[in-house]
Amino acid sequence: MPGLLGELAEDTRNVLLALARAWVTLDTGAVVPKDGAAGWALGRLPGEHRPALAHAREVYLGEAEENWGRAGPGRVADCAAYLAGRVRELAPGSG
């Protein structure tokens, strides 16, 4: 997880989508595509974290150009931290 979060600034879209995939897999046991994982996670994220993940999904699907300013100052890092927290909570050996 630390290695993945360390890549947030350079590969924002893929880091957010990978965290969403890890969350859905740990929570449901399903392995889903990145856009599907983002859709699943968007329905479970607090509102303040949705813009960053929604933008990552749109960029992945070719529906938007990468522009992380849309998510708001600090929102990308906050979203990543929230997703990583969910993954840590569900990861084997974390509890």
C-alpha atoms as a PDB file:
ATOM      1  CA  MET A   1       0.000   0.000   0.000  1.00  0.00           C
ATOM      2  CA  PRO A   2       2.714   2.579   0.794  1.00  0.00           C
ATOM      3  CA  GLY A   3       4.281   2.010  -2.631  1.00  0.00           C
ATOM      4  CA  LEU A   4       0.958   2.545  -4.347  1.00  0.00           C
ATOM      5  CA  LEU A   5       0.191   5.705  -2.404  1.00  0.00           C
ATOM      6  CA  GLY A   6       3.686   6.967  -3.212  1.00  0.00           C
ATOM      7  CA  GLU A   7       2.702   6.972  -6.887  1.00  0.00           C
ATOM      8  CA  LEU A   8      -0.401   9.116  -6.355  1.00  0.00           C
ATOM      9  CA  ALA A   9       1.085  12.317  -7.766  1.00  0.00           C
ATOM     10  CA  GLU A  10       2.517  10.613 -10.863  1.00  0.00           C
ATOM     11  CA  ASP A  11      -0.295   8.164 -11.660  1.00  0.00           C
ATOM     12  CA  THR A  12      -3.354   9.555  -9.910  1.00  0.00           C
ATOM     13  CA  ARG A  13      -6.002   7.867 -12.031  1.00  0.00           C
ATOM     14  CA  ASN A  14      -4.557   4.382 -11.733  1.00  0.00           C
ATOM     15  CA  VAL A  15      -3.811   4.666  -8.021  1.00  0.00           C
ATOM     16  CA  LEU A  16      -7.380   5.701  -7.205  1.00  0.00           C
ATOM     17  CA  LEU A  17      -8.825   2.985  -9.432  1.00  0.00           C
ATOM     18  CA  ALA A  18      -6.492   0.327  -8.002  1.00  0.00           C
ATOM     19  CA  LEU A  19      -7.544   1.263  -4.475  1.00  0.00           C
ATOM     20  CA  ALA A  20     -11.211   1.044  -5.483  1.00  0.00           C
ATOM     21  CA  ARG A  21     -10.578  -2.404  -7.000  1.00  0.00           C
ATOM     22  CA  ALA A  22      -8.833  -3.600  -3.879  1.00  0.00           C
ATOM     23  CA  TRP A  23     -11.723  -2.364  -1.741  1.00  0.00           C
ATOM     24  CA  VAL A  24     -14.423  -4.067  -3.797  1.00  0.00           C
ATOM     25  CA  THR A  25     -12.433  -7.303  -3.988  1.00  0.00           C
ATOM     26  CA  LEU A  26     -11.778  -7.423  -0.254  1.00  0.00           C
ATOM     27  CA  ASP A  27     -15.369  -6.513   0.575  1.00  0.00           C
ATOM     28  CA  THR A  28     -17.191  -8.761  -1.911  1.00  0.00           C
ATOM     29  CA  GLY A  29     -14.672 -11.309  -3.164  1.00  0.00           C
ATOM     30  CA  ALA A  30     -15.394 -10.192  -6.730  1.00  0.00           C
ATOM     31  CA  VAL A  31     -12.683  -9.166  -9.150  1.00  0.00           C
ATOM     32  CA  VAL A  32     -14.107  -6.418 -11.346  1.00  0.00           C
ATOM     33  CA  PRO A  33     -12.734  -4.024 -13.963  1.00  0.00           C
ATOM     34  CA  LYS A  34     -11.486  -0.629 -12.811  1.00  0.00           C
ATOM     35  CA  ASP A  35     -14.556   1.258 -14.009  1.00  0.00           C
ATOM     36  CA  GLY A  36     -16.864  -1.248 -12.314  1.00  0.00           C
ATOM     37  CA  ALA A  37     -14.919  -0.967  -9.081  1.00  0.00           C
ATOM     38  CA  ALA A  38     -15.142   2.809  -9.241  1.00  0.00           C
ATOM     39  CA  GLY A  39     -18.895   2.621  -9.789  1.00  0.00           C
ATOM     40  CA  TRP A  40     -19.271   0.306  -6.804  1.00  0.00           C
ATOM     41  CA  ALA A  41     -17.084   2.482  -4.588  1.00  0.00           C
ATOM     42  CA  LEU A  42     -18.801   5.722  -5.617  1.00  0.00           C
ATOM     43  CA  GLY A  43     -22.014   4.449  -4.076  1.00  0.00           C
ATOM     44  CA  ARG A  44     -20.228   3.888  -0.778  1.00  0.00           C
ATOM     45  CA  LEU A  45     -17.897   6.876  -0.553  1.00  0.00           C
ATOM     46  CA  PRO A  46     -18.698   9.929   1.543  1.00  0.00           C
ATOM     47  CA  GLY A  47     -19.709  12.804  -0.717  1.00  0.00           C
ATOM     48  CA  GLU A  48     -16.493  14.760  -0.303  1.00  0.00           C
ATOM     49  CA  HIS A  49     -14.469  11.891  -1.801  1.00  0.00           C
ATOM     50  CA  ARG A  50     -16.675  11.179  -4.806  1.00  0.00           C
ATOM     51  CA  PRO A  51     -15.411  13.888  -7.203  1.00  0.00           C
ATOM     52  CA  ALA A  52     -11.845  12.527  -7.311  1.00  0.00           C
ATOM     53  CA  LEU A  53     -12.875   8.916  -7.931  1.00  0.00           C
ATOM     54  CA  ALA A  54     -15.599   9.945 -10.383  1.00  0.00           C
ATOM     55  CA  HIS A  55     -13.006  11.907 -12.346  1.00  0.00           C
ATOM     56  CA  ALA A  56     -10.594   8.955 -12.336  1.00  0.00           C
ATOM     57  CA  ARG A  57     -13.379   6.766 -13.770  1.00  0.00           C
ATOM     58  CA  GLU A  58     -14.271   9.357 -16.435  1.00  0.00           C
ATOM     59  CA  VAL A  59     -10.637   9.665 -17.503  1.00  0.00           C
ATOM     60  CA  TYR A  60     -10.270   5.868 -17.616  1.00  0.00           C
ATOM     61  CA  LEU A  61     -13.356   5.605 -19.835  1.00  0.00           C
ATOM     62  CA  GLY A  62     -12.135   8.394 -22.118  1.00  0.00           C
ATOM     63  CA  GLU A  63     -14.992  10.661 -21.091  1.00  0.00           C
ATOM     64  CA  ALA A  64     -12.770  13.419 -19.681  1.00  0.00           C
ATOM     65  CA  GLU A  65      -9.270  14.820 -19.910  1.00  0.00           C
ATOM     66  CA  GLU A  66      -7.095  14.493 -16.818  1.00  0.00           C
ATOM     67  CA  ASN A  67      -7.604  17.621 -14.730  1.00  0.00           C
ATOM     68  CA  TRP A  68      -7.267  16.892 -11.026  1.00  0.00           C
ATOM     69  CA  GLY A  69      -8.097  20.468 -10.097  1.00  0.00           C
ATOM     70  CA  ARG A  70     -11.742  19.537 -10.739  1.00  0.00           C
ATOM     71  CA  ALA A  71     -11.740  17.421  -7.589  1.00  0.00           C
ATOM     72  CA  GLY A  72     -10.781  20.401  -5.417  1.00  0.00           C
ATOM     73  CA  PRO A  73      -7.662  21.182  -3.383  1.00  0.00           C
ATOM     74  CA  GLY A  74      -6.502  18.238  -1.338  1.00  0.00           C
ATOM     75  CA  ARG A  75      -9.451  16.107  -2.403  1.00  0.00           C
ATOM     76  CA  VAL A  76      -7.408  13.610  -4.411  1.00  0.00           C
ATOM     77  CA  ALA A  77      -5.107  12.832  -1.481  1.00  0.00           C
ATOM     78  CA  ASP A  78      -8.061  12.693   0.914  1.00  0.00           C
ATOM     79  CA  CYS A  79      -9.915  10.303  -1.380  1.00  0.00           C
ATOM     80  CA  ALA A  80      -6.848   8.078  -1.717  1.00  0.00           C
ATOM     81  CA  ALA A  81      -6.388   8.059   2.057  1.00  0.00           C
ATOM     82  CA  TYR A  82     -10.028   7.110   2.585  1.00  0.00           C
ATOM     83  CA  LEU A  83      -9.850   4.292   0.022  1.00  0.00           C
ATOM     84  CA  ALA A  84      -6.577   3.037   1.508  1.00  0.00           C
ATOM     85  CA  GLY A  85      -8.169   3.062   4.942  1.00  0.00           C
ATOM     86  CA  ARG A  86     -11.046   0.909   3.749  1.00  0.00           C
ATOM     87  CA  VAL A  87      -8.584  -1.521   2.164  1.00  0.00           C
ATOM     88  CA  ARG A  88      -6.515  -1.692   5.353  1.00  0.00           C
ATOM     89  CA  GLU A  89      -9.625  -2.362   7.444  1.00  0.00           C
ATOM     90  CA  LEU A  90     -10.602  -5.316   5.242  1.00  0.00           C
ATOM     91  CA  ALA A  91      -7.159  -6.729   4.485  1.00  0.00           C
ATOM     92  CA  PRO A  92      -6.371 -10.109   6.046  1.00  0.00           C
ATOM     93  CA  GLY A  93      -4.394  -9.709   9.225  1.00  0.00           C
ATOM     94  CA  SER A  94      -5.475  -6.119   9.791  1.00  0.00           C
ATOM     95  CA  GLY A  95      -7.852  -6.825  12.599  1.00  0.00           C
END
